[in-house]
N, C-alpha and C. Protein backbone atom coordinates (compact mmCIF):
# COMPACT_ATOMS: atom_id res chain seq x y z
N MET A 1 52.19 100.53 101.10
CA MET A 1 50.92 100.31 100.45
C MET A 1 50.35 98.99 100.96
N SER A 2 49.39 99.10 101.77
CA SER A 2 48.82 97.89 102.33
C SER A 2 47.33 97.81 102.04
N ASP A 3 46.85 96.63 101.84
CA ASP A 3 45.43 96.34 101.63
C ASP A 3 44.84 97.08 100.43
N GLY A 4 45.60 97.24 99.37
CA GLY A 4 45.09 97.84 98.15
C GLY A 4 44.96 99.35 98.19
N GLN A 5 45.41 99.99 99.24
CA GLN A 5 45.34 101.45 99.33
C GLN A 5 46.65 102.04 98.82
N CYS A 6 46.53 103.09 98.04
CA CYS A 6 47.72 103.76 97.49
C CYS A 6 48.04 104.99 98.33
N GLU A 7 49.31 105.19 98.54
CA GLU A 7 49.76 106.37 99.26
C GLU A 7 49.96 107.50 98.26
N GLN A 8 49.45 108.68 98.56
CA GLN A 8 49.56 109.82 97.66
C GLN A 8 50.95 110.43 97.78
N LEU A 9 51.73 110.37 96.69
CA LEU A 9 53.08 110.92 96.69
C LEU A 9 53.16 112.25 95.95
N ILE A 10 52.33 112.41 94.91
CA ILE A 10 52.33 113.63 94.11
C ILE A 10 50.90 114.14 94.05
N ARG A 11 50.74 115.44 94.23
CA ARG A 11 49.41 116.04 94.16
C ARG A 11 49.42 117.11 93.09
N VAL A 12 48.47 117.07 92.18
CA VAL A 12 48.33 118.07 91.13
C VAL A 12 47.44 119.18 91.68
N VAL A 13 47.99 120.38 91.75
CA VAL A 13 47.26 121.51 92.32
C VAL A 13 46.47 122.25 91.25
N LYS A 14 47.04 122.36 90.05
CA LYS A 14 46.39 123.12 89.00
C LYS A 14 46.64 122.44 87.67
N GLY A 15 45.64 122.38 86.82
CA GLY A 15 45.78 121.78 85.51
C GLY A 15 45.39 120.31 85.52
N SER A 16 45.53 119.70 84.35
CA SER A 16 45.19 118.27 84.23
C SER A 16 46.27 117.59 83.39
N PRO A 17 47.34 117.13 84.02
CA PRO A 17 48.42 116.49 83.26
C PRO A 17 48.00 115.12 82.74
N THR A 18 48.59 114.75 81.63
CA THR A 18 48.33 113.43 81.05
C THR A 18 49.13 112.39 81.81
N PRO A 19 48.77 111.13 81.66
CA PRO A 19 49.56 110.08 82.32
C PRO A 19 51.03 110.09 81.89
N GLY A 20 51.30 110.44 80.64
CA GLY A 20 52.68 110.54 80.17
C GLY A 20 53.46 111.64 80.87
N GLU A 21 52.81 112.79 81.08
CA GLU A 21 53.46 113.89 81.79
C GLU A 21 53.73 113.53 83.25
N LEU A 22 52.79 112.84 83.88
CA LEU A 22 53.02 112.39 85.26
C LEU A 22 54.15 111.38 85.33
N ALA A 23 54.23 110.50 84.33
CA ALA A 23 55.32 109.52 84.31
C ALA A 23 56.66 110.21 84.12
N ALA A 24 56.72 111.24 83.26
CA ALA A 24 57.96 111.98 83.06
C ALA A 24 58.37 112.71 84.34
N LEU A 25 57.42 113.30 85.02
CA LEU A 25 57.71 113.98 86.28
C LEU A 25 58.22 113.00 87.33
N ALA A 26 57.59 111.84 87.41
CA ALA A 26 58.03 110.83 88.37
C ALA A 26 59.44 110.35 88.05
N ALA A 27 59.76 110.19 86.75
CA ALA A 27 61.10 109.75 86.37
C ALA A 27 62.15 110.79 86.76
N VAL A 28 61.85 112.07 86.55
CA VAL A 28 62.79 113.13 86.90
C VAL A 28 62.99 113.19 88.41
N LEU A 29 61.91 113.11 89.16
CA LEU A 29 62.02 113.17 90.62
C LEU A 29 62.78 111.97 91.17
N MET A 30 62.56 110.79 90.61
CA MET A 30 63.27 109.60 91.07
C MET A 30 64.76 109.68 90.73
N SER A 31 65.09 110.21 89.54
CA SER A 31 66.51 110.31 89.18
C SER A 31 67.22 111.34 90.05
N ARG A 32 66.54 112.45 90.37
CA ARG A 32 67.14 113.45 91.26
C ARG A 32 67.33 112.90 92.67
N ALA A 33 66.37 112.12 93.14
CA ALA A 33 66.50 111.53 94.47
C ALA A 33 67.63 110.52 94.51
N ALA A 34 67.80 109.75 93.44
CA ALA A 34 68.88 108.77 93.38
C ALA A 34 70.23 109.47 93.28
N ALA A 35 70.31 110.58 92.55
CA ALA A 35 71.57 111.30 92.41
C ALA A 35 71.98 111.97 93.72
N ALA A 36 71.02 112.34 94.54
CA ALA A 36 71.34 112.99 95.81
C ALA A 36 71.96 112.01 96.80
N CYS A 37 71.68 110.73 96.62
CA CYS A 37 72.21 109.71 97.54
C CYS A 37 73.63 109.28 97.19
N VAL A 38 74.08 109.56 95.98
CA VAL A 38 75.40 109.12 95.52
C VAL A 38 76.41 110.23 95.78
N GLU A 39 77.54 109.89 96.38
CA GLU A 39 78.59 110.87 96.62
C GLU A 39 79.45 111.02 95.37
N PRO A 40 79.76 112.25 94.96
CA PRO A 40 80.61 112.43 93.78
C PRO A 40 82.04 111.99 94.07
N ASP A 41 82.66 111.39 93.08
CA ASP A 41 84.05 110.97 93.23
C ASP A 41 84.94 111.86 92.36
N ASP A 42 86.21 111.56 92.32
CA ASP A 42 87.15 112.40 91.56
C ASP A 42 86.87 112.38 90.07
N THR A 43 86.41 111.25 89.52
CA THR A 43 86.15 111.19 88.08
C THR A 43 85.00 112.10 87.71
N ALA A 44 84.01 112.24 88.58
CA ALA A 44 82.90 113.15 88.28
C ALA A 44 83.38 114.59 88.27
N ARG A 45 84.30 114.94 89.15
CA ARG A 45 84.82 116.31 89.18
C ARG A 45 85.66 116.61 87.94
N ARG A 46 86.38 115.63 87.44
CA ARG A 46 87.21 115.85 86.25
C ARG A 46 86.37 116.04 85.00
N GLN A 47 85.18 115.50 84.97
CA GLN A 47 84.34 115.56 83.78
C GLN A 47 83.44 116.78 83.75
N GLN A 48 83.51 117.64 84.75
CA GLN A 48 82.66 118.82 84.78
C GLN A 48 83.07 119.78 83.66
N ALA A 49 82.09 120.36 83.02
CA ALA A 49 82.35 121.28 81.93
C ALA A 49 82.82 122.63 82.47
N VAL A 50 83.69 123.27 81.73
CA VAL A 50 84.19 124.58 82.09
C VAL A 50 83.65 125.58 81.07
N ALA A 51 83.16 126.69 81.54
CA ALA A 51 82.65 127.72 80.64
C ALA A 51 83.80 128.31 79.84
N LEU A 52 83.62 128.40 78.53
CA LEU A 52 84.68 128.92 77.66
C LEU A 52 84.46 130.39 77.29
N TRP A 53 83.41 130.99 77.81
CA TRP A 53 83.17 132.39 77.52
C TRP A 53 83.72 133.23 78.66
N ARG A 54 84.04 134.49 78.37
CA ARG A 54 84.58 135.35 79.41
C ARG A 54 83.47 136.21 79.98
N ARG A 55 83.62 136.57 81.22
CA ARG A 55 82.61 137.37 81.89
C ARG A 55 82.92 138.85 81.72
N PRO A 56 81.99 139.63 81.17
CA PRO A 56 82.25 141.05 80.94
C PRO A 56 82.52 141.84 82.22
N ASP A 57 81.99 141.39 83.34
CA ASP A 57 82.22 142.14 84.57
C ASP A 57 83.64 141.98 85.10
N ARG A 58 84.39 141.04 84.56
CA ARG A 58 85.77 140.84 85.00
C ARG A 58 86.79 141.45 84.04
N VAL A 59 86.34 142.09 82.99
CA VAL A 59 87.24 142.73 82.04
C VAL A 59 87.67 144.07 82.63
N ALA A 60 88.91 144.48 82.35
CA ALA A 60 89.48 145.68 82.96
C ALA A 60 88.68 146.94 82.67
N GLY A 61 88.12 147.06 81.50
CA GLY A 61 87.35 148.26 81.18
C GLY A 61 87.33 148.49 79.69
N PHE A 62 86.80 149.63 79.30
CA PHE A 62 86.69 149.96 77.89
C PHE A 62 88.00 150.55 77.40
N ASP A 63 88.52 150.01 76.31
CA ASP A 63 89.81 150.44 75.80
C ASP A 63 89.72 151.65 74.88
N GLY A 64 88.58 151.93 74.33
CA GLY A 64 88.45 153.07 73.43
C GLY A 64 88.11 152.61 72.03
N PRO A 65 87.55 153.51 71.21
CA PRO A 65 87.10 153.12 69.89
C PRO A 65 88.22 152.84 68.90
N ARG A 66 89.41 153.37 69.14
CA ARG A 66 90.52 153.17 68.20
C ARG A 66 91.63 152.30 68.78
N SER A 67 91.33 151.56 69.80
CA SER A 67 92.36 150.75 70.44
C SER A 67 92.85 149.63 69.53
N TRP A 68 92.03 149.22 68.58
CA TRP A 68 92.46 148.17 67.66
C TRP A 68 93.60 148.65 66.78
N ARG A 69 93.68 149.95 66.50
CA ARG A 69 94.76 150.47 65.66
C ARG A 69 96.11 150.34 66.35
N SER A 70 96.16 150.63 67.63
CA SER A 70 97.43 150.54 68.34
C SER A 70 97.87 149.09 68.49
N ALA A 71 96.94 148.17 68.51
CA ALA A 71 97.30 146.76 68.61
C ALA A 71 97.86 146.25 67.29
N VAL A 72 97.41 146.82 66.17
CA VAL A 72 97.85 146.37 64.85
C VAL A 72 99.10 147.10 64.40
N ARG A 73 99.27 148.34 64.82
CA ARG A 73 100.36 149.19 64.36
C ARG A 73 101.73 148.60 64.72
N GLN A 74 102.60 148.56 63.77
CA GLN A 74 103.97 148.09 63.97
C GLN A 74 104.83 149.28 64.43
N PRO A 75 105.80 149.04 65.29
CA PRO A 75 106.68 150.15 65.69
C PRO A 75 107.51 150.62 64.49
N GLU A 76 107.57 151.93 64.34
CA GLU A 76 108.31 152.49 63.21
C GLU A 76 109.80 152.52 63.51
N THR A 77 110.60 152.16 62.52
CA THR A 77 112.06 152.23 62.67
C THR A 77 112.57 153.32 61.74
N ARG A 78 113.40 154.21 62.28
CA ARG A 78 113.93 155.31 61.47
C ARG A 78 115.36 154.99 61.06
N ALA A 79 115.69 155.37 59.88
CA ALA A 79 117.06 155.17 59.39
C ALA A 79 117.94 156.28 59.94
N ALA A 80 119.10 155.92 60.38
CA ALA A 80 119.99 156.90 60.98
C ALA A 80 120.82 157.62 59.98
């Protein structure tokens, strides 16, 4: 920026954002640019969240409508 001229970094194509919205956009873009320059270390990898839900496409298949009964049923013992 020389001689009082500003360089255009962001261009609004559609709509009329408020100065607050432009400031929020600039903050997000600057934080993303700063994060791209930093190399992740081992501590960052250890802190990554793991999904605790299971994926339905990896389940073996449908067990049947009465499969819960066989899971609950105790084996019968007969007296000799």
